[in-house]
Amino acid sequence: MSNVSSLSSSRAASAGRAKGQQTKAAIVDAALQLAAQIGLEGLSIGLIAESLKMSKSGVFAHFGSREELQISVVREYHTRFEQEVFFTALQAERGLPRVRALFDNWMKRSTIEIDSGCIYIGGAVEFDDRPGPVRDELSHSVHTWLGAMQRAIDIAIEEGHLRPDTDSAQMGFEIHALILALHYEARFLRNPAALQRAQLAFEGIVQRYQALPGHSARPNVRSDARKTSTRSSA
């Protein structure tokens, strides 16, 4: 009987943990949708509880503070961004085709966020001069993504698709600037030509850095192993 009782208790505990994880995931999802509209600073335990028809204490049981909730939202946003922009781009060939895929995916993500909002861009405005854990998490996520883009550019140089004297940090900076301009022009200025202009500008960047015909690639010092996240090489 004691074994049966222990087994029942274990199953009940497992079911309780699973339900708790589902509830926490639902809270983060709701908070992410709200943050896209009203910003990270607009989030509150009470607002999330109201949107999910939960008690404040129920939400508080999963997130002990608003700051913890905000950090969880940033991490979830990064996870989704990584899945949509980074991992799908790994299906493209190494080098310039993969850089193009990363930019195309980033553009698609940006166009979707024109009507809602980008946590990275909005969060930067909210926390650029506010040191603390939320800013640190935002900064870490953005640096991680930009680092992945720069590594993809480095590989394109190694593959001989871009000139050997290409400054990958500079090229990455210029591509990032395009996305910021696209978001500003499309979301704030409502410029209907913003997407086309960003695509044209990207092609201009590529042409400026592209290797001349007949250029031989650098020795390939990287493996083509598929990595697990943007924290690894693209």
C-alpha atoms as a PDB file:
ATOM      1  CA  MET A   1       0.000   0.000   0.000  1.00  0.00           C
ATOM      2  CA  SER A   2       2.835   2.383   0.800  1.00  0.00           C
ATOM      3  CA  ASN A   3       4.295   1.852  -2.691  1.00  0.00           C
ATOM      4  CA  VAL A   4       0.931   2.609  -4.295  1.00  0.00           C
ATOM      5  CA  SER A   5       0.573   5.711  -2.159  1.00  0.00           C
ATOM      6  CA  SER A   6       4.069   6.921  -3.045  1.00  0.00           C
ATOM      7  CA  LEU A   7       3.410   6.341  -6.746  1.00  0.00           C
ATOM      8  CA  SER A   8       0.165   8.292  -6.579  1.00  0.00           C
ATOM      9  CA  SER A   9       1.869  11.142  -4.760  1.00  0.00           C
ATOM     10  CA  SER A  10       4.661  11.209  -7.326  1.00  0.00           C
ATOM     11  CA  ARG A  11       2.188  11.345 -10.212  1.00  0.00           C
ATOM     12  CA  ALA A  12       0.231  14.093  -8.530  1.00  0.00           C
ATOM     13  CA  ALA A  13       3.422  16.081  -7.952  1.00  0.00           C
ATOM     14  CA  SER A  14       4.450  15.643 -11.611  1.00  0.00           C
ATOM     15  CA  ALA A  15       1.013  16.714 -12.786  1.00  0.00           C
ATOM     16  CA  GLY A  16       1.190  19.737 -10.517  1.00  0.00           C
ATOM     17  CA  ARG A  17       4.593  20.753 -11.875  1.00  0.00           C
ATOM     18  CA  ALA A  18       3.405  20.337 -15.469  1.00  0.00           C
ATOM     19  CA  LYS A  19       0.352  22.477 -14.791  1.00  0.00           C
ATOM     20  CA  GLY A  20       2.527  25.075 -13.101  1.00  0.00           C
ATOM     21  CA  GLN A  21       4.861  25.207 -16.110  1.00  0.00           C
ATOM     22  CA  GLN A  22       1.891  25.587 -18.460  1.00  0.00           C
ATOM     23  CA  THR A  23       0.501  28.417 -16.366  1.00  0.00           C
ATOM     24  CA  LYS A  24       3.869  30.167 -16.256  1.00  0.00           C
ATOM     25  CA  ALA A  25       4.237  29.817 -20.038  1.00  0.00           C
ATOM     26  CA  ALA A  26       0.740  31.291 -20.516  1.00  0.00           C
ATOM     27  CA  ILE A  27       1.647  34.238 -18.288  1.00  0.00           C
ATOM     28  CA  VAL A  28       4.857  34.922 -20.219  1.00  0.00           C
ATOM     29  CA  ASP A  29       3.018  34.664 -23.538  1.00  0.00           C
ATOM     30  CA  ALA A  30       0.370  37.156 -22.413  1.00  0.00           C
ATOM     31  CA  ALA A  31       3.031  39.475 -21.008  1.00  0.00           C
ATOM     32  CA  LEU A  32       5.000  39.321 -24.265  1.00  0.00           C
ATOM     33  CA  GLN A  33       1.961  40.299 -26.313  1.00  0.00           C
ATOM     34  CA  LEU A  34       1.221  43.194 -23.966  1.00  0.00           C
ATOM     35  CA  ALA A  35       4.858  44.338 -23.894  1.00  0.00           C
ATOM     36  CA  ALA A  36       4.884  44.541 -27.694  1.00  0.00           C
ATOM     37  CA  GLN A  37       2.000  47.018 -27.465  1.00  0.00           C
ATOM     38  CA  ILE A  38       2.707  49.002 -24.294  1.00  0.00           C
ATOM     39  CA  GLY A  39       6.394  48.324 -23.645  1.00  0.00           C
ATOM     40  CA  LEU A  40       8.177  46.446 -20.901  1.00  0.00           C
ATOM     41  CA  GLU A  41       7.663  49.315 -18.491  1.00  0.00           C
ATOM     42  CA  GLY A  42       3.904  49.070 -18.953  1.00  0.00           C
ATOM     43  CA  LEU A  43       3.813  45.537 -17.583  1.00  0.00           C
ATOM     44  CA  SER A  44       2.526  44.897 -14.106  1.00  0.00           C
ATOM     45  CA  ILE A  45       1.455  41.854 -12.126  1.00  0.00           C
ATOM     46  CA  GLY A  46      -2.039  43.297 -11.867  1.00  0.00           C
ATOM     47  CA  LEU A  47      -2.373  43.948 -15.596  1.00  0.00           C
ATOM     48  CA  ILE A  48      -1.268  40.416 -16.477  1.00  0.00           C
ATOM     49  CA  ALA A  49      -3.614  38.947 -13.888  1.00  0.00           C
ATOM     50  CA  GLU A  50      -6.509  40.938 -15.328  1.00  0.00           C
ATOM     51  CA  SER A  51      -5.747  39.900 -18.924  1.00  0.00           C
ATOM     52  CA  LEU A  52      -5.646  36.206 -17.934  1.00  0.00           C
ATOM     53  CA  LYS A  53      -8.499  36.466 -15.430  1.00  0.00           C
ATOM     54  CA  MET A  54      -6.195  35.272 -12.677  1.00  0.00           C
ATOM     55  CA  SER A  55      -5.610  36.580  -9.200  1.00  0.00           C
ATOM     56  CA  LYS A  56      -2.590  38.779  -8.544  1.00  0.00           C
ATOM     57  CA  SER A  57      -1.367  36.234  -6.032  1.00  0.00           C
ATOM     58  CA  GLY A  58      -1.594  33.533  -8.703  1.00  0.00           C
ATOM     59  CA  VAL A  59       0.679  35.494 -11.039  1.00  0.00           C
ATOM     60  CA  PHE A  60       2.939  36.512  -8.180  1.00  0.00           C
ATOM     61  CA  ALA A  61       3.432  32.855  -7.281  1.00  0.00           C
ATOM     62  CA  HIS A  62       5.241  32.369 -10.601  1.00  0.00           C
ATOM     63  CA  PHE A  63       6.999  35.734 -10.742  1.00  0.00           C
ATOM     64  CA  GLY A  64       8.000  37.260  -7.459  1.00  0.00           C
ATOM     65  CA  SER A  65       8.431  40.717  -8.940  1.00  0.00           C
ATOM     66  CA  ARG A  66       7.667  42.806 -11.994  1.00  0.00           C
ATOM     67  CA  GLU A  67      11.378  42.832 -12.811  1.00  0.00           C
ATOM     68  CA  GLU A  68      11.480  39.041 -12.893  1.00  0.00           C
ATOM     69  CA  LEU A  69       8.471  39.072 -15.221  1.00  0.00           C
ATOM     70  CA  GLN A  70      10.136  41.607 -17.527  1.00  0.00           C
ATOM     71  CA  ILE A  71      13.319  39.526 -17.723  1.00  0.00           C
ATOM     72  CA  SER A  72      11.290  36.413 -18.551  1.00  0.00           C
ATOM     73  CA  VAL A  73       9.582  38.323 -21.364  1.00  0.00           C
ATOM     74  CA  VAL A  74      12.928  39.419 -22.814  1.00  0.00           C
ATOM     75  CA  ARG A  75      14.211  35.835 -22.722  1.00  0.00           C
ATOM     76  CA  GLU A  76      11.075  34.487 -24.366  1.00  0.00           C
ATOM     77  CA  TYR A  77      11.278  37.145 -27.069  1.00  0.00           C
ATOM     78  CA  HIS A  78      14.889  36.196 -27.746  1.00  0.00           C
ATOM     79  CA  THR A  79      13.966  32.506 -27.962  1.00  0.00           C
ATOM     80  CA  ARG A  80      11.255  33.213 -30.539  1.00  0.00           C
ATOM     81  CA  PHE A  81      13.469  35.622 -32.457  1.00  0.00           C
ATOM     82  CA  GLU A  82      16.189  32.994 -32.535  1.00  0.00           C
ATOM     83  CA  GLN A  83      13.810  30.349 -33.864  1.00  0.00           C
ATOM     84  CA  GLU A  84      12.310  32.561 -36.583  1.00  0.00           C
ATOM     85  CA  VAL A  85      15.388  34.465 -37.722  1.00  0.00           C
ATOM     86  CA  PHE A  86      18.481  32.417 -36.876  1.00  0.00           C
ATOM     87  CA  PHE A  87      17.663  28.722 -37.033  1.00  0.00           C
ATOM     88  CA  THR A  88      15.726  28.862 -40.306  1.00  0.00           C
ATOM     89  CA  ALA A  89      18.646  30.727 -41.902  1.00  0.00           C
ATOM     90  CA  LEU A  90      20.937  27.784 -41.142  1.00  0.00           C
ATOM     91  CA  GLN A  91      19.205  25.919 -43.972  1.00  0.00           C
ATOM     92  CA  ALA A  92      20.929  28.270 -46.431  1.00  0.00           C
ATOM     93  CA  GLU A  93      24.430  27.567 -47.681  1.00  0.00           C
ATOM     94  CA  ARG A  94      27.377  28.915 -45.714  1.00  0.00           C
ATOM     95  CA  GLY A  95      28.647  32.326 -46.605  1.00  0.00           C
ATOM     96  CA  LEU A  96      26.758  35.077 -48.390  1.00  0.00           C
ATOM     97  CA  PRO A  97      23.595  32.965 -48.961  1.00  0.00           C
ATOM     98  CA  ARG A  98      23.304  32.572 -45.192  1.00  0.00           C
ATOM     99  CA  VAL A  99      23.920  36.270 -44.567  1.00  0.00           C
ATOM    100  CA  ARG A 100      21.125  37.018 -47.036  1.00  0.00           C
ATOM    101  CA  ALA A 101      18.844  34.520 -45.305  1.00  0.00           C
ATOM    102  CA  LEU A 102      19.544  36.102 -41.914  1.00  0.00           C
ATOM    103  CA  PHE A 103      18.734  39.555 -43.277  1.00  0.00           C
ATOM    104  CA  ASP A 104      15.607  38.349 -45.101  1.00  0.00           C
ATOM    105  CA  ASN A 105      14.323  36.658 -41.942  1.00  0.00           C
ATOM    106  CA  TRP A 106      15.130  39.750 -39.902  1.00  0.00           C
ATOM    107  CA  MET A 107      13.222  41.871 -42.414  1.00  0.00           C
ATOM    108  CA  LYS A 108      10.203  39.566 -42.250  1.00  0.00           C
ATOM    109  CA  ARG A 109      10.250  39.739 -38.471  1.00  0.00           C
ATOM    110  CA  SER A 110      10.500  43.526 -38.597  1.00  0.00           C
ATOM    111  CA  THR A 111       7.556  43.883 -40.976  1.00  0.00           C
ATOM    112  CA  ILE A 112       5.399  41.784 -38.640  1.00  0.00           C
ATOM    113  CA  GLU A 113       6.394  44.026 -35.738  1.00  0.00           C
ATOM    114  CA  ILE A 114       5.518  47.242 -37.534  1.00  0.00           C
ATOM    115  CA  ASP A 115       1.961  46.980 -36.188  1.00  0.00           C
ATOM    116  CA  SER A 116       2.941  45.729 -32.758  1.00  0.00           C
ATOM    117  CA  GLY A 117       6.432  46.678 -31.731  1.00  0.00           C
ATOM    118  CA  CYS A 118       9.912  45.248 -31.286  1.00  0.00           C
ATOM    119  CA  ILE A 119      10.991  44.354 -27.764  1.00  0.00           C
ATOM    120  CA  TYR A 120      14.636  44.986 -28.666  1.00  0.00           C
ATOM    121  CA  ILE A 121      14.021  48.439 -30.138  1.00  0.00           C
ATOM    122  CA  GLY A 122      11.312  49.486 -27.693  1.00  0.00           C
ATOM    123  CA  GLY A 123      13.287  48.111 -24.768  1.00  0.00           C
ATOM    124  CA  ALA A 124      16.367  50.061 -25.825  1.00  0.00           C
ATOM    125  CA  VAL A 125      14.369  53.287 -25.695  1.00  0.00           C
ATOM    126  CA  GLU A 126      12.964  52.427 -22.277  1.00  0.00           C
ATOM    127  CA  PHE A 127      16.152  51.160 -20.653  1.00  0.00           C
ATOM    128  CA  ASP A 128      19.018  52.859 -22.502  1.00  0.00           C
ATOM    129  CA  ASP A 129      19.820  55.032 -19.478  1.00  0.00           C
ATOM    130  CA  ARG A 130      18.484  52.752 -16.748  1.00  0.00           C
ATOM    131  CA  PRO A 131      21.084  50.293 -15.460  1.00  0.00           C
ATOM    132  CA  GLY A 132      19.808  47.081 -13.907  1.00  0.00           C
ATOM    133  CA  PRO A 133      18.947  43.427 -14.612  1.00  0.00           C
ATOM    134  CA  VAL A 134      16.332  44.170 -17.290  1.00  0.00           C
ATOM    135  CA  ARG A 135      18.699  46.389 -19.271  1.00  0.00           C
ATOM    136  CA  ASP A 136      21.453  43.802 -18.850  1.00  0.00           C
ATOM    137  CA  GLU A 137      19.209  41.053 -20.233  1.00  0.00           C
ATOM    138  CA  LEU A 138      18.156  43.189 -23.181  1.00  0.00           C
ATOM    139  CA  SER A 139      21.722  44.192 -23.952  1.00  0.00           C
ATOM    140  CA  HIS A 140      22.944  40.599 -23.694  1.00  0.00           C
ATOM    141  CA  SER A 141      20.238  39.360 -26.077  1.00  0.00           C
ATOM    142  CA  VAL A 142      20.932  42.042 -28.680  1.00  0.00           C
ATOM    143  CA  HIS A 143      24.706  41.561 -28.464  1.00  0.00           C
ATOM    144  CA  THR A 144      24.202  37.821 -28.873  1.00  0.00           C
ATOM    145  CA  TRP A 145      22.167  38.271 -32.043  1.00  0.00           C
ATOM    146  CA  LEU A 146      24.459  40.891 -33.572  1.00  0.00           C
ATOM    147  CA  GLY A 147      27.415  38.646 -32.782  1.00  0.00           C
ATOM    148  CA  ALA A 148      25.753  35.810 -34.716  1.00  0.00           C
ATOM    149  CA  MET A 149      25.270  38.090 -37.713  1.00  0.00           C
ATOM    150  CA  GLN A 150      28.903  39.184 -37.588  1.00  0.00           C
ATOM    151  CA  ARG A 151      30.088  35.567 -37.431  1.00  0.00           C
ATOM    152  CA  ALA A 152      27.983  34.799 -40.516  1.00  0.00           C
ATOM    153  CA  ILE A 153      29.730  37.668 -42.295  1.00  0.00           C
ATOM    154  CA  ASP A 154      33.126  36.328 -41.182  1.00  0.00           C
ATOM    155  CA  ILE A 155      32.252  32.961 -42.717  1.00  0.00           C
ATOM    156  CA  ALA A 156      31.213  34.685 -45.955  1.00  0.00           C
ATOM    157  CA  ILE A 157      34.678  36.269 -46.030  1.00  0.00           C
ATOM    158  CA  GLU A 158      36.303  32.873 -45.453  1.00  0.00           C
ATOM    159  CA  GLU A 159      34.214  31.349 -48.237  1.00  0.00           C
ATOM    160  CA  GLY A 160      35.460  34.010 -50.645  1.00  0.00           C
ATOM    161  CA  HIS A 161      32.029  35.572 -51.121  1.00  0.00           C
ATOM    162  CA  LEU A 162      33.125  38.876 -49.585  1.00  0.00           C
ATOM    163  CA  ARG A 163      36.414  40.726 -49.977  1.00  0.00           C
ATOM    164  CA  PRO A 164      39.178  39.575 -47.623  1.00  0.00           C
ATOM    165  CA  ASP A 165      39.597  43.120 -46.298  1.00  0.00           C
ATOM    166  CA  THR A 166      35.916  43.335 -45.336  1.00  0.00           C
ATOM    167  CA  ASP A 167      35.389  44.691 -41.833  1.00  0.00           C
ATOM    168  CA  SER A 168      32.679  42.322 -40.584  1.00  0.00           C
ATOM    169  CA  ALA A 169      31.859  44.553 -37.608  1.00  0.00           C
ATOM    170  CA  GLN A 170      31.313  47.515 -39.943  1.00  0.00           C
ATOM    171  CA  MET A 171      29.157  45.507 -42.351  1.00  0.00           C
ATOM    172  CA  GLY A 172      27.130  44.154 -39.445  1.00  0.00           C
ATOM    173  CA  PHE A 173      26.690  47.696 -38.135  1.00  0.00           C
ATOM    174  CA  GLU A 174      25.385  48.864 -41.508  1.00  0.00           C
ATOM    175  CA  ILE A 175      22.913  45.979 -41.749  1.00  0.00           C
ATOM    176  CA  HIS A 176      21.681  46.666 -38.217  1.00  0.00           C
ATOM    177  CA  ALA A 177      21.271  50.331 -39.129  1.00  0.00           C
ATOM    178  CA  LEU A 178      19.005  49.314 -42.026  1.00  0.00           C
ATOM    179  CA  ILE A 179      16.698  47.425 -39.699  1.00  0.00           C
ATOM    180  CA  LEU A 180      16.506  50.354 -37.286  1.00  0.00           C
ATOM    181  CA  ALA A 181      15.760  52.727 -40.169  1.00  0.00           C
ATOM    182  CA  LEU A 182      13.129  50.342 -41.548  1.00  0.00           C
ATOM    183  CA  HIS A 183      11.373  50.145 -38.196  1.00  0.00           C
ATOM    184  CA  TYR A 184      11.422  53.934 -37.738  1.00  0.00           C
ATOM    185  CA  GLU A 185      10.319  54.735 -41.293  1.00  0.00           C
ATOM    186  CA  ALA A 186       7.591  52.097 -41.456  1.00  0.00           C
ATOM    187  CA  ARG A 187       6.235  52.278 -37.900  1.00  0.00           C
ATOM    188  CA  PHE A 188       6.626  55.967 -37.055  1.00  0.00           C
ATOM    189  CA  LEU A 189       6.668  57.744 -40.429  1.00  0.00           C
ATOM    190  CA  ARG A 190       4.343  55.211 -42.115  1.00  0.00           C
ATOM    191  CA  ASN A 191       6.499  55.252 -45.235  1.00  0.00           C
ATOM    192  CA  PRO A 192       5.035  52.632 -47.620  1.00  0.00           C
ATOM    193  CA  ALA A 193       8.336  52.389 -49.493  1.00  0.00           C
ATOM    194  CA  ALA A 194      10.402  51.601 -46.383  1.00  0.00           C
ATOM    195  CA  LEU A 195      10.633  47.856 -47.025  1.00  0.00           C
ATOM    196  CA  GLN A 196      11.746  48.270 -50.637  1.00  0.00           C
ATOM    197  CA  ARG A 197      14.281  50.928 -49.669  1.00  0.00           C
ATOM    198  CA  ALA A 198      15.753  48.667 -46.987  1.00  0.00           C
ATOM    199  CA  GLN A 199      16.093  45.809 -49.468  1.00  0.00           C
ATOM    200  CA  LEU A 200      17.755  48.104 -52.000  1.00  0.00           C
ATOM    201  CA  ALA A 201      20.135  49.436 -49.352  1.00  0.00           C
ATOM    202  CA  PHE A 202      21.090  45.885 -48.331  1.00  0.00           C
ATOM    203  CA  GLU A 203      21.969  45.037 -51.917  1.00  0.00           C
ATOM    204  CA  GLY A 204      24.123  48.169 -52.014  1.00  0.00           C
ATOM    205  CA  ILE A 205      26.010  47.003 -48.926  1.00  0.00           C
ATOM    206  CA  VAL A 206      26.544  43.540 -50.408  1.00  0.00           C
ATOM    207  CA  GLN A 207      27.818  44.931 -53.709  1.00  0.00           C
ATOM    208  CA  ARG A 208      30.267  47.187 -51.897  1.00  0.00           C
ATOM    209  CA  TYR A 209      31.785  44.308 -49.929  1.00  0.00           C
ATOM    210  CA  GLN A 210      31.367  41.491 -52.446  1.00  0.00           C
ATOM    211  CA  ALA A 211      34.505  39.740 -53.655  1.00  0.00           C
ATOM    212  CA  LEU A 212      35.642  40.276 -57.220  1.00  0.00           C
ATOM    213  CA  PRO A 213      35.179  37.404 -59.689  1.00  0.00           C
ATOM    214  CA  GLY A 214      38.019  34.907 -59.520  1.00  0.00           C
ATOM    215  CA  HIS A 215      38.926  35.806 -55.934  1.00  0.00           C
ATOM    216  CA  SER A 216      40.063  32.765 -53.977  1.00  0.00           C
ATOM    217  CA  ALA A 217      38.628  32.098 -50.572  1.00  0.00           C
ATOM    218  CA  ARG A 218      40.622  32.206 -47.382  1.00  0.00           C
ATOM    219  CA  PRO A 219      41.533  28.834 -45.903  1.00  0.00           C
ATOM    220  CA  ASN A 220      38.398  27.512 -44.255  1.00  0.00           C
ATOM    221  CA  VAL A 221      39.180  27.408 -40.553  1.00  0.00           C
ATOM    222  CA  ARG A 222      35.617  26.856 -39.339  1.00  0.00           C
ATOM    223  CA  SER A 223      33.577  23.698 -39.330  1.00  0.00           C
ATOM    224  CA  ASP A 224      30.048  23.638 -40.754  1.00  0.00           C
ATOM    225  CA  ALA A 225      28.632  21.993 -37.661  1.00  0.00           C
ATOM    226  CA  ARG A 226      25.141  23.208 -36.875  1.00  0.00           C
ATOM    227  CA  LYS A 227      25.170  25.155 -33.644  1.00  0.00           C
ATOM    228  CA  THR A 228      22.573  25.196 -30.953  1.00  0.00           C
ATOM    229  CA  SER A 229      21.846  28.926 -30.684  1.00  0.00           C
ATOM    230  CA  THR A 230      22.888  32.421 -31.653  1.00  0.00           C
ATOM    231  CA  ARG A 231      25.374  32.165 -28.803  1.00  0.00           C
ATOM    232  CA  SER A 232      27.316  29.883 -31.125  1.00  0.00           C
ATOM    233  CA  SER A 233      28.619  30.510 -34.616  1.00  0.00           C
ATOM    234  CA  ALA A 234      26.257  31.155 -37.530  1.00  0.00           C
END
